[in-house]
PDB file of N, CA and C in Angstrom:
ATOM      1  N   MET A   1      21.933  21.841 -94.066  1.00  0.00           N
ATOM      2  CA  MET A   1      22.782  21.073 -94.933  1.00  0.00           C
ATOM      3  C   MET A   1      22.042  19.806 -95.339  1.00  0.00           C
ATOM      4  N   PHE A   2      22.165  19.443 -96.566  1.00  0.00           N
ATOM      5  CA  PHE A   2      21.596  18.193 -97.088  1.00  0.00           C
ATOM      6  C   PHE A   2      22.709  17.488 -97.834  1.00  0.00           C
ATOM      7  N   LYS A   3      22.978  16.247 -97.462  1.00  0.00           N
ATOM      8  CA  LYS A   3      24.084  15.504 -98.050  1.00  0.00           C
ATOM      9  C   LYS A   3      23.638  14.070 -98.303  1.00  0.00           C
ATOM     10  N   ILE A   4      23.959  13.555 -99.474  1.00  0.00           N
ATOM     11  CA  ILE A   4      23.633  12.166 -99.813  1.00  0.00           C
ATOM     12  C   ILE A   4      24.937  11.386 -99.972  1.00  0.00           C
ATOM     13  N   LEU A   5      25.027  10.275 -99.255  1.00  0.00           N
ATOM     14  CA  LEU A   5      26.180   9.390 -99.367  1.00  0.00           C
ATOM     15  C   LEU A   5      25.727   8.053 -99.928  1.00  0.00           C
ATOM     16  N   PRO A   6      26.491   7.461-100.833  1.00  0.00           N
ATOM     17  CA  PRO A   6      26.129   6.149-101.374  1.00  0.00           C
ATOM     18  C   PRO A   6      26.448   5.050-100.370  1.00  0.00           C
ATOM     19  N   PRO A   7      25.798   3.898-100.530  1.00  0.00           N
ATOM     20  CA  PRO A   7      26.083   2.781 -99.624  1.00  0.00           C
ATOM     21  C   PRO A   7      27.384   2.089-100.014  1.00  0.00           C
ATOM     22  N   ALA A   8      27.895   1.288 -99.103  1.00  0.00           N
ATOM     23  CA  ALA A   8      29.023   0.417 -99.437  1.00  0.00           C
ATOM     24  C   ALA A   8      28.569  -0.531-100.543  1.00  0.00           C
ATOM     25  N   ARG A   9      29.481  -0.927-101.373  1.00  0.00           N
ATOM     26  CA  ARG A   9      29.157  -1.784-102.520  1.00  0.00           C
ATOM     27  C   ARG A   9      28.378  -3.039-102.110  1.00  0.00           C
ATOM     28  N   ASP A  10      28.740  -3.643-100.988  1.00  0.00           N
ATOM     29  CA  ASP A  10      28.063  -4.861-100.529  1.00  0.00           C
ATOM     30  C   ASP A  10      26.606  -4.624-100.139  1.00  0.00           C
ATOM     31  N   LEU A  11      26.247  -3.390 -99.849  1.00  0.00           N
ATOM     32  CA  LEU A  11      24.878  -3.067 -99.434  1.00  0.00           C
ATOM     33  C   LEU A  11      24.037  -2.453-100.553  1.00  0.00           C
ATOM     34  N   ALA A  12      24.605  -2.284-101.722  1.00  0.00           N
ATOM     35  CA  ALA A  12      23.936  -1.553-102.802  1.00  0.00           C
ATOM     36  C   ALA A  12      22.597  -2.157-103.236  1.00  0.00           C
ATOM     37  N   THR A  13      22.389  -3.435-103.058  1.00  0.00           N
ATOM     38  CA  THR A  13      21.087  -4.021-103.414  1.00  0.00           C
ATOM     39  C   THR A  13      20.044  -3.786-102.320  1.00  0.00           C
ATOM     40  N   LEU A  14      20.496  -3.415-101.127  1.00  0.00           N
ATOM     41  CA  LEU A  14      19.593  -3.205 -99.997  1.00  0.00           C
ATOM     42  C   LEU A  14      19.352  -1.725 -99.690  1.00  0.00           C
ATOM     43  N   VAL A  15      20.371  -0.901 -99.902  1.00  0.00           N
ATOM     44  CA  VAL A  15      20.320   0.509 -99.540  1.00  0.00           C
ATOM     45  C   VAL A  15      20.634   1.355-100.771  1.00  0.00           C
ATOM     46  N   GLN A  16      19.772   2.332-101.045  1.00  0.00           N
ATOM     47  CA  GLN A  16      20.015   3.248-102.159  1.00  0.00           C
ATOM     48  C   GLN A  16      21.010   4.326-101.754  1.00  0.00           C
ATOM     49  N   GLY A  17      20.927   4.767-100.511  1.00  0.00           N
ATOM     50  CA  GLY A  17      21.843   5.796-100.035  1.00  0.00           C
ATOM     51  C   GLY A  17      21.463   6.262 -98.648  1.00  0.00           C
ATOM     52  N   TYR A  18      22.290   7.148 -98.111  1.00  0.00           N
ATOM     53  CA  TYR A  18      22.077   7.731 -96.796  1.00  0.00           C
ATOM     54  C   TYR A  18      21.905   9.234 -97.003  1.00  0.00           C
ATOM     55  N   TRP A  19      20.776   9.773 -96.585  1.00  0.00           N
ATOM     56  CA  TRP A  19      20.484  11.189 -96.755  1.00  0.00           C
ATOM     57  C   TRP A  19      20.593  11.865 -95.394  1.00  0.00           C
ATOM     58  N   PHE A  20      21.544  12.756 -95.246  1.00  0.00           N
ATOM     59  CA  PHE A  20      21.754  13.478 -93.999  1.00  0.00           C
ATOM     60  C   PHE A  20      21.092  14.851 -94.097  1.00  0.00           C
ATOM     61  N   VAL A  21      20.331  15.204 -93.075  1.00  0.00           N
ATOM     62  CA  VAL A  21      19.658  16.500 -93.001  1.00  0.00           C
ATOM     63  C   VAL A  21      20.098  17.150 -91.692  1.00  0.00           C
ATOM     64  N   GLU A  22      20.645  18.362 -91.811  1.00  0.00           N
ATOM     65  CA  GLU A  22      21.202  19.033 -90.637  1.00  0.00           C
ATOM     66  C   GLU A  22      20.814  20.512 -90.643  1.00  0.00           C
ATOM     67  N   ASP A  23      20.342  20.982 -89.507  1.00  0.00           N
ATOM     68  CA  ASP A  23      20.076  22.410 -89.313  1.00  0.00           C
ATOM     69  C   ASP A  23      20.466  22.760 -87.876  1.00  0.00           C
ATOM     70  N   LEU A  24      21.735  22.577 -87.561  1.00  0.00           N
ATOM     71  CA  LEU A  24      22.205  22.811 -86.194  1.00  0.00           C
ATOM     72  C   LEU A  24      22.048  24.256 -85.748  1.00  0.00           C
ATOM     73  N   PRO A  25      22.330  25.254 -86.607  1.00  0.00           N
ATOM     74  CA  PRO A  25      22.151  26.638 -86.159  1.00  0.00           C
ATOM     75  C   PRO A  25      20.696  27.093 -86.160  1.00  0.00           C
ATOM     76  N   GLY A  26      19.791  26.319 -86.739  1.00  0.00           N
ATOM     77  CA  GLY A  26      18.381  26.685 -86.750  1.00  0.00           C
ATOM     78  C   GLY A  26      18.009  27.679 -87.832  1.00  0.00           C
ATOM     79  N   ASP A  27      18.755  27.691 -88.928  1.00  0.00           N
ATOM     80  CA  ASP A  27      18.457  28.610 -90.034  1.00  0.00           C
ATOM     81  C   ASP A  27      17.052  28.410 -90.597  1.00  0.00           C
ATOM     82  N   HIS A  28      16.533  27.190 -90.496  1.00  0.00           N
ATOM     83  CA  HIS A  28      15.201  26.878 -91.029  1.00  0.00           C
ATOM     84  C   HIS A  28      14.209  26.541 -89.912  1.00  0.00           C
ATOM     85  N   ALA A  29      14.558  26.885 -88.679  1.00  0.00           N
ATOM     86  CA  ALA A  29      13.713  26.563 -87.523  1.00  0.00           C
ATOM     87  C   ALA A  29      12.308  27.118 -87.706  1.00  0.00           C
ATOM     88  N   GLY A  30      11.337  26.266 -87.481  1.00  0.00           N
ATOM     89  CA  GLY A  30       9.938  26.653 -87.597  1.00  0.00           C
ATOM     90  C   GLY A  30       9.391  26.585 -89.007  1.00  0.00           C
ATOM     91  N   ALA A  31      10.262  26.394 -89.992  1.00  0.00           N
ATOM     92  CA  ALA A  31       9.812  26.331 -91.387  1.00  0.00           C
ATOM     93  C   ALA A  31       9.270  24.935 -91.709  1.00  0.00           C
ATOM     94  N   MET A  32       8.183  24.890 -92.450  1.00  0.00           N
ATOM     95  CA  MET A  32       7.620  23.613 -92.874  1.00  0.00           C
ATOM     96  C   MET A  32       8.429  23.108 -94.076  1.00  0.00           C
ATOM     97  N   ILE A  33       8.906  21.888 -93.982  1.00  0.00           N
ATOM     98  CA  ILE A  33       9.680  21.253 -95.042  1.00  0.00           C
ATOM     99  C   ILE A  33       8.781  20.191 -95.675  1.00  0.00           C
ATOM    100  N   ARG A  34       8.714  20.167 -96.978  1.00  0.00           N
ATOM    101  CA  ARG A  34       7.881  19.181 -97.689  1.00  0.00           C
ATOM    102  C   ARG A  34       8.777  18.257 -98.493  1.00  0.00           C
ATOM    103  N   THR A  35       8.488  16.976 -98.408  1.00  0.00           N
ATOM    104  CA  THR A  35       9.235  15.994 -99.182  1.00  0.00           C
ATOM    105  C   THR A  35       8.308  15.310-100.170  1.00  0.00           C
ATOM    106  N   SER A  36       8.875  14.892-101.275  1.00  0.00           N
ATOM    107  CA  SER A  36       8.112  14.233-102.335  1.00  0.00           C
ATOM    108  C   SER A  36       8.215  12.726-102.204  1.00  0.00           C
ATOM    109  N   PRO A  37       7.282  11.995-102.797  1.00  0.00           N
ATOM    110  CA  PRO A  37       7.384  10.532-102.786  1.00  0.00           C
ATOM    111  C   PRO A  37       8.662  10.063-103.480  1.00  0.00           C
ATOM    112  N   VAL A  38       9.234   8.997-102.968  1.00  0.00           N
ATOM    113  CA  VAL A  38      10.403   8.355-103.578  1.00  0.00           C
ATOM    114  C   VAL A  38      10.152   6.855-103.591  1.00  0.00           C
ATOM    115  N   PRO A  39      10.754   6.121-104.514  1.00  0.00           N
ATOM    116  CA  PRO A  39      10.494   4.682-104.595  1.00  0.00           C
ATOM    117  C   PRO A  39      11.319   3.857-103.611  1.00  0.00           C
ATOM    118  N   TYR A  40      11.476   4.356-102.399  1.00  0.00           N
ATOM    119  CA  TYR A  40      12.258   3.676-101.379  1.00  0.00           C
ATOM    120  C   TYR A  40      11.482   3.668-100.067  1.00  0.00           C
ATOM    121  N   ALA A  41      11.937   2.813 -99.163  1.00  0.00           N
ATOM    122  CA  ALA A  41      11.436   2.822 -97.795  1.00  0.00           C
ATOM    123  C   ALA A  41      12.459   3.592 -96.965  1.00  0.00           C
ATOM    124  N   VAL A  42      11.998   4.313 -95.975  1.00  0.00           N
ATOM    125  CA  VAL A  42      12.889   5.166 -95.199  1.00  0.00           C
ATOM    126  C   VAL A  42      12.990   4.659 -93.763  1.00  0.00           C
ATOM    127  N   LEU A  43      14.221   4.492 -93.329  1.00  0.00           N
ATOM    128  CA  LEU A  43      14.532   4.243 -91.927  1.00  0.00           C
ATOM    129  C   LEU A  43      15.178   5.528 -91.438  1.00  0.00           C
ATOM    130  N   SER A  44      14.510   6.244 -90.544  1.00  0.00           N
ATOM    131  CA  SER A  44      14.957   7.557 -90.081  1.00  0.00           C
ATOM    132  C   SER A  44      15.579   7.424 -88.695  1.00  0.00           C
ATOM    133  N   VAL A  45      16.771   8.016 -88.531  1.00  0.00           N
ATOM    134  CA  VAL A  45      17.475   7.974 -87.246  1.00  0.00           C
ATOM    135  C   VAL A  45      17.839   9.404 -86.858  1.00  0.00           C
ATOM    136  N   ASN A  46      17.255   9.895 -85.759  1.00  0.00           N
ATOM    137  CA  ASN A  46      17.558  11.236 -85.253  1.00  0.00           C
ATOM    138  C   ASN A  46      18.829  11.196 -84.429  1.00  0.00           C
ATOM    139  N   ILE A  47      19.742  12.088 -84.772  1.00  0.00           N
ATOM    140  CA  ILE A  47      20.996  12.211 -84.039  1.00  0.00           C
ATOM    141  C   ILE A  47      20.935  13.443 -83.147  1.00  0.00           C
ATOM    142  N   GLY A  48      20.218  14.470 -83.607  1.00  0.00           N
ATOM    143  CA  GLY A  48      20.058  15.710 -82.854  1.00  0.00           C
ATOM    144  C   GLY A  48      18.673  15.803 -82.259  1.00  0.00           C
ATOM    145  N   ARG A  49      18.186  17.022 -82.135  1.00  0.00           N
ATOM    146  CA  ARG A  49      16.839  17.260 -81.605  1.00  0.00           C
ATOM    147  C   ARG A  49      15.811  16.727 -82.599  1.00  0.00           C
ATOM    148  N   PRO A  50      14.849  15.927 -82.159  1.00  0.00           N
ATOM    149  CA  PRO A  50      13.843  15.395 -83.083  1.00  0.00           C
ATOM    150  C   PRO A  50      13.024  16.498 -83.734  1.00  0.00           C
ATOM    151  N   ASN A  51      12.768  16.349 -85.021  1.00  0.00           N
ATOM    152  CA  ASN A  51      11.912  17.292 -85.725  1.00  0.00           C
ATOM    153  C   ASN A  51      10.454  16.929 -85.453  1.00  0.00           C
ATOM    154  N   ALA A  52       9.553  17.782 -85.912  1.00  0.00           N
ATOM    155  CA  ALA A  52       8.125  17.572 -85.661  1.00  0.00           C
ATOM    156  C   ALA A  52       7.398  17.310 -86.970  1.00  0.00           C
ATOM    157  N   GLU A  53       6.379  16.456 -86.895  1.00  0.00           N
ATOM    158  CA  GLU A  53       5.509  16.234 -88.043  1.00  0.00           C
ATOM    159  C   GLU A  53       4.634  17.466 -88.241  1.00  0.00           C
ATOM    160  N   GLU A  54       3.923  17.510 -89.346  1.00  0.00           N
ATOM    161  CA  GLU A  54       3.075  18.663 -89.658  1.00  0.00           C
ATOM    162  C   GLU A  54       2.041  18.921 -88.559  1.00  0.00           C
ATOM    163  N   ASN A  55       1.570  17.851 -87.903  1.00  0.00           N
ATOM    164  CA  ASN A  55       0.569  18.003 -86.846  1.00  0.00           C
ATOM    165  C   ASN A  55       1.185  18.393 -85.497  1.00  0.00           C
ATOM    166  N   GLY A  56       2.521  18.575 -85.455  1.00  0.00           N
ATOM    167  CA  GLY A  56       3.190  19.008 -84.232  1.00  0.00           C
ATOM    168  C   GLY A  56       3.766  17.894 -83.388  1.00  0.00           C
ATOM    169  N   ARG A  57       3.413  16.658 -83.692  1.00  0.00           N
ATOM    170  CA  ARG A  57       3.928  15.510 -82.924  1.00  0.00           C
ATOM    171  C   ARG A  57       5.406  15.292 -83.250  1.00  0.00           C
ATOM    172  N   LEU A  58       6.232  15.094 -82.226  1.00  0.00           N
ATOM    173  CA  LEU A  58       7.649  14.830 -82.445  1.00  0.00           C
ATOM    174  C   LEU A  58       7.837  13.445 -83.048  1.00  0.00           C
ATOM    175  N   VAL A  59       8.790  13.336 -83.955  1.00  0.00           N
ATOM    176  CA  VAL A  59       9.072  12.039 -84.549  1.00  0.00           C
ATOM    177  C   VAL A  59       9.942  11.241 -83.578  1.00  0.00           C
ATOM    178  N   PRO A  60       9.848   9.916 -83.604  1.00  0.00           N
ATOM    179  CA  PRO A  60      10.673   9.101 -82.704  1.00  0.00           C
ATOM    180  C   PRO A  60      12.159   9.197 -83.078  1.00  0.00           C
ATOM    181  N   ASP A  61      13.017   8.802 -82.154  1.00  0.00           N
ATOM    182  CA  ASP A  61      14.459   8.809 -82.430  1.00  0.00           C
ATOM    183  C   ASP A  61      14.804   7.899 -83.602  1.00  0.00           C
ATOM    184  N   VAL A  62      14.137   6.768 -83.688  1.00  0.00           N
ATOM    185  CA  VAL A  62      14.321   5.833 -84.802  1.00  0.00           C
ATOM    186  C   VAL A  62      12.940   5.423 -85.280  1.00  0.00           C
ATOM    187  N   ALA A  63      12.724   5.499 -86.591  1.00  0.00           N
ATOM    188  CA  ALA A  63      11.408   5.159 -87.129  1.00  0.00           C
ATOM    189  C   ALA A  63      11.555   4.538 -88.514  1.00  0.00           C
ATOM    190  N   LEU A  64      10.845   3.452 -88.735  1.00  0.00           N
ATOM    191  CA  LEU A  64      10.751   2.862 -90.059  1.00  0.00           C
ATOM    192  C   LEU A  64       9.502   3.449 -90.703  1.00  0.00           C
ATOM    193  N   LEU A  65       9.700   4.340 -91.663  1.00  0.00           N
ATOM    194  CA  LEU A  65       8.585   5.045 -92.283  1.00  0.00           C
ATOM    195  C   LEU A  65       7.969   4.272 -93.443  1.00  0.00           C
ATOM    196  N   GLY A  66       8.595   3.200 -93.859  1.00  0.00           N
ATOM    197  CA  GLY A  66       8.042   2.399 -94.943  1.00  0.00           C
ATOM    198  C   GLY A  66       8.197   3.084 -96.291  1.00  0.00           C
ATOM    199  N   LEU A  67       7.533   2.530 -97.288  1.00  0.00           N
ATOM    200  CA  LEU A  67       7.614   3.084 -98.632  1.00  0.00           C
ATOM    201  C   LEU A  67       7.021   4.482 -98.656  1.00  0.00           C
ATOM    202  N   GLN A  68       7.701   5.386 -99.302  1.00  0.00           N
ATOM    203  CA  GLN A  68       7.297   6.788 -99.331  1.00  0.00           C
ATOM    204  C   GLN A  68       6.457   7.065-100.572  1.00  0.00           C
ATOM    205  N   SER A  69       5.188   6.742-100.488  1.00  0.00           N
ATOM    206  CA  SER A  69       4.290   6.853-101.633  1.00  0.00           C
ATOM    207  C   SER A  69       3.486   8.153-101.633  1.00  0.00           C
ATOM    208  N   GLN A  70       3.701   9.005-100.641  1.00  0.00           N
ATOM    209  CA  GLN A  70       2.953  10.261-100.571  1.00  0.00           C
ATOM    210  C   GLN A  70       3.861  11.384-100.074  1.00  0.00           C
ATOM    211  N   ASN A  71       3.434  12.607-100.277  1.00  0.00           N
ATOM    212  CA  ASN A  71       4.167  13.759 -99.758  1.00  0.00           C
ATOM    213  C   ASN A  71       4.118  13.737 -98.240  1.00  0.00           C
ATOM    214  N   ARG A  72       5.192  14.203 -97.622  1.00  0.00           N
ATOM    215  CA  ARG A  72       5.239  14.347 -96.168  1.00  0.00           C
ATOM    216  C   ARG A  72       5.669  15.768 -95.843  1.00  0.00           C
ATOM    217  N   SER A  73       5.237  16.248 -94.690  1.00  0.00           N
ATOM    218  CA  SER A  73       5.636  17.573 -94.220  1.00  0.00           C
ATOM    219  C   SER A  73       6.142  17.456 -92.797  1.00  0.00           C
ATOM    220  N   TRP A  74       7.187  18.198 -92.497  1.00  0.00           N
ATOM    221  CA  TRP A  74       7.739  18.214 -91.153  1.00  0.00           C
ATOM    222  C   TRP A  74       8.372  19.565 -90.898  1.00  0.00           C
ATOM    223  N   CYS A  75       8.652  19.844 -89.650  1.00  0.00           N
ATOM    224  CA  CYS A  75       9.163  21.139 -89.235  1.00  0.00           C
ATOM    225  C   CYS A  75      10.563  20.981 -88.650  1.00  0.00           C
ATOM    226  N   SER A  76      11.489  21.770 -89.137  1.00  0.00           N
ATOM    227  CA  SER A  76      12.859  21.771 -88.639  1.00  0.00           C
ATOM    228  C   SER A  76      12.957  22.628 -87.377  1.00  0.00           C
ATOM    229  N   TRP A  77      13.931  22.329 -86.533  1.00  0.00           N
ATOM    230  CA  TRP A  77      14.241  23.121 -85.348  1.00  0.00           C
ATOM    231  C   TRP A  77      15.738  23.366 -85.314  1.00  0.00           C
ATOM    232  N   SER A  78      16.180  24.225 -84.422  1.00  0.00           N
ATOM    233  CA  SER A  78      17.623  24.306 -84.205  1.00  0.00           C
ATOM    234  C   SER A  78      18.057  22.963 -83.626  1.00  0.00           C
ATOM    235  N   ASP A  79      19.223  22.551 -83.940  1.00  0.00           N
ATOM    236  CA  ASP A  79      19.787  21.254 -83.523  1.00  0.00           C
ATOM    237  C   ASP A  79      19.172  20.072 -84.257  1.00  0.00           C
ATOM    238  N   THR A  80      18.416  20.310 -85.334  1.00  0.00           N
ATOM    239  CA  THR A  80      17.906  19.204 -86.145  1.00  0.00           C
ATOM    240  C   THR A  80      19.073  18.532 -86.863  1.00  0.00           C
ATOM    241  N   TYR A  81      19.168  17.228 -86.736  1.00  0.00           N
ATOM    242  CA  TYR A  81      20.214  16.467 -87.418  1.00  0.00           C
ATOM    243  C   TYR A  81      19.752  15.019 -87.456  1.00  0.00           C
ATOM    244  N   PHE A  82      19.495  14.522 -88.637  1.00  0.00           N
ATOM    245  CA  PHE A  82      19.083  13.126 -88.751  1.00  0.00           C
ATOM    246  C   PHE A  82      19.545  12.549 -90.076  1.00  0.00           C
ATOM    247  N   VAL A  83      19.519  11.238 -90.140  1.00  0.00           N
ATOM    248  CA  VAL A  83      19.874  10.530 -91.371  1.00  0.00           C
ATOM    249  C   VAL A  83      18.682   9.665 -91.769  1.00  0.00           C
ATOM    250  N   MET A  84      18.418   9.653 -93.057  1.00  0.00           N
ATOM    251  CA  MET A  84      17.395   8.767 -93.605  1.00  0.00           C
ATOM    252  C   MET A  84      18.124   7.694 -94.407  1.00  0.00           C
ATOM    253  N   VAL A  85      17.965   6.463 -93.995  1.00  0.00           N
ATOM    254  CA  VAL A  85      18.517   5.338 -94.741  1.00  0.00           C
ATOM    255  C   VAL A  85      17.468   4.978 -95.778  1.00  0.00           C
ATOM    256  N   MET A  86      17.800   5.181 -97.041  1.00  0.00           N
ATOM    257  CA  MET A  86      16.861   4.923 -98.127  1.00  0.00           C
ATOM    258  C   MET A  86      17.005   3.465 -98.554  1.00  0.00           C
ATOM    259  N   LEU A  87      16.065   2.646 -98.102  1.00  0.00           N
ATOM    260  CA  LEU A  87      16.097   1.211 -98.384  1.00  0.00           C
ATOM    261  C   LEU A  87      15.402   0.915 -99.701  1.00  0.00           C
ATOM    262  N   THR A  88      15.999   0.045-100.487  1.00  0.00           N
ATOM    263  CA  THR A  88      15.314  -0.442-101.683  1.00  0.00           C
ATOM    264  C   THR A  88      14.186  -1.365-101.225  1.00  0.00           C
ATOM    265  N   VAL A  89      13.286  -1.713-102.121  1.00  0.00           N
ATOM    266  CA  VAL A  89      12.215  -2.655-101.754  1.00  0.00           C
ATOM    267  C   VAL A  89      12.834  -3.974-101.304  1.00  0.00           C
ATOM    268  N   SER A  90      13.872  -4.429-102.015  1.00  0.00           N
ATOM    269  CA  SER A  90      14.571  -5.662-101.603  1.00  0.00           C
ATOM    270  C   SER A  90      15.166  -5.518-100.211  1.00  0.00           C
ATOM    271  N   GLY A  91      15.724  -4.350 -99.918  1.00  0.00           N
ATOM    272  CA  GLY A  91      16.304  -4.103 -98.596  1.00  0.00           C
ATOM    273  C   GLY A  91      15.254  -4.096 -97.510  1.00  0.00           C
ATOM    274  N   LEU A  92      14.107  -3.490 -97.783  1.00  0.00           N
ATOM    275  CA  LEU A  92      13.012  -3.470 -96.818  1.00  0.00           C
ATOM    276  C   LEU A  92      12.552  -4.890 -96.501  1.00  0.00           C
ATOM    277  N   VAL A  93      12.346  -5.671 -97.533  1.00  0.00           N
ATOM    278  CA  VAL A  93      11.879  -7.049 -97.351  1.00  0.00           C
ATOM    279  C   VAL A  93      12.922  -7.892 -96.630  1.00  0.00           C
ATOM    280  N   ARG A  94      14.170  -7.713 -96.984  1.00  0.00           N
ATOM    281  CA  ARG A  94      15.236  -8.513 -96.383  1.00  0.00           C
ATOM    282  C   ARG A  94      15.507  -8.132 -94.938  1.00  0.00           C
ATOM    283  N   LEU A  95      15.549  -6.833 -94.652  1.00  0.00           N
ATOM    284  CA  LEU A  95      15.902  -6.381 -93.310  1.00  0.00           C
ATOM    285  C   LEU A  95      14.718  -6.362 -92.340  1.00  0.00           C
ATOM    286  N   PHE A  96      13.520  -6.185 -92.876  1.00  0.00           N
ATOM    287  CA  PHE A  96      12.324  -6.088 -92.024  1.00  0.00           C
ATOM    288  C   PHE A  96      11.248  -7.025 -92.562  1.00  0.00           C
ATOM    289  N   SER A  97      11.575  -8.275 -92.670  1.00  0.00           N
ATOM    290  CA  SER A  97      10.678  -9.249 -93.294  1.00  0.00           C
ATOM    291  C   SER A  97       9.361  -9.455 -92.544  1.00  0.00           C
ATOM    292  N   HIS A  98       9.301  -9.113 -91.278  1.00  0.00           N
ATOM    293  CA  HIS A  98       8.071  -9.320 -90.507  1.00  0.00           C
ATOM    294  C   HIS A  98       7.175  -8.097 -90.436  1.00  0.00           C
ATOM    295  N   THR A  99       7.525  -7.049 -91.213  1.00  0.00           N
ATOM    296  CA  THR A  99       6.666  -5.868 -91.167  1.00  0.00           C
ATOM    297  C   THR A  99       5.669  -5.987 -92.270  1.00  0.00           C
TER     298      THR A  99
END
């Protein structure tokens, strides 16, 4: 399942949206998923089993991936469930000013 939710009106200048990715039954387990660059910074929060990067390394439970200027690949598993908070550049600077 892939679902996009908009931010609350007060957060609209900081957050573009919340992208939920879920594969609890494992329909796509072991499949390589490719994502395209987007003009946002991604804060990823794993709620279920952590997915794996293309090189096999598990992603952290919470990770600030920064601006998505290149393609990324990752592997889904059963129980995969995470949300990507799509931060605008203003949101990245405001919320993570020391990065």
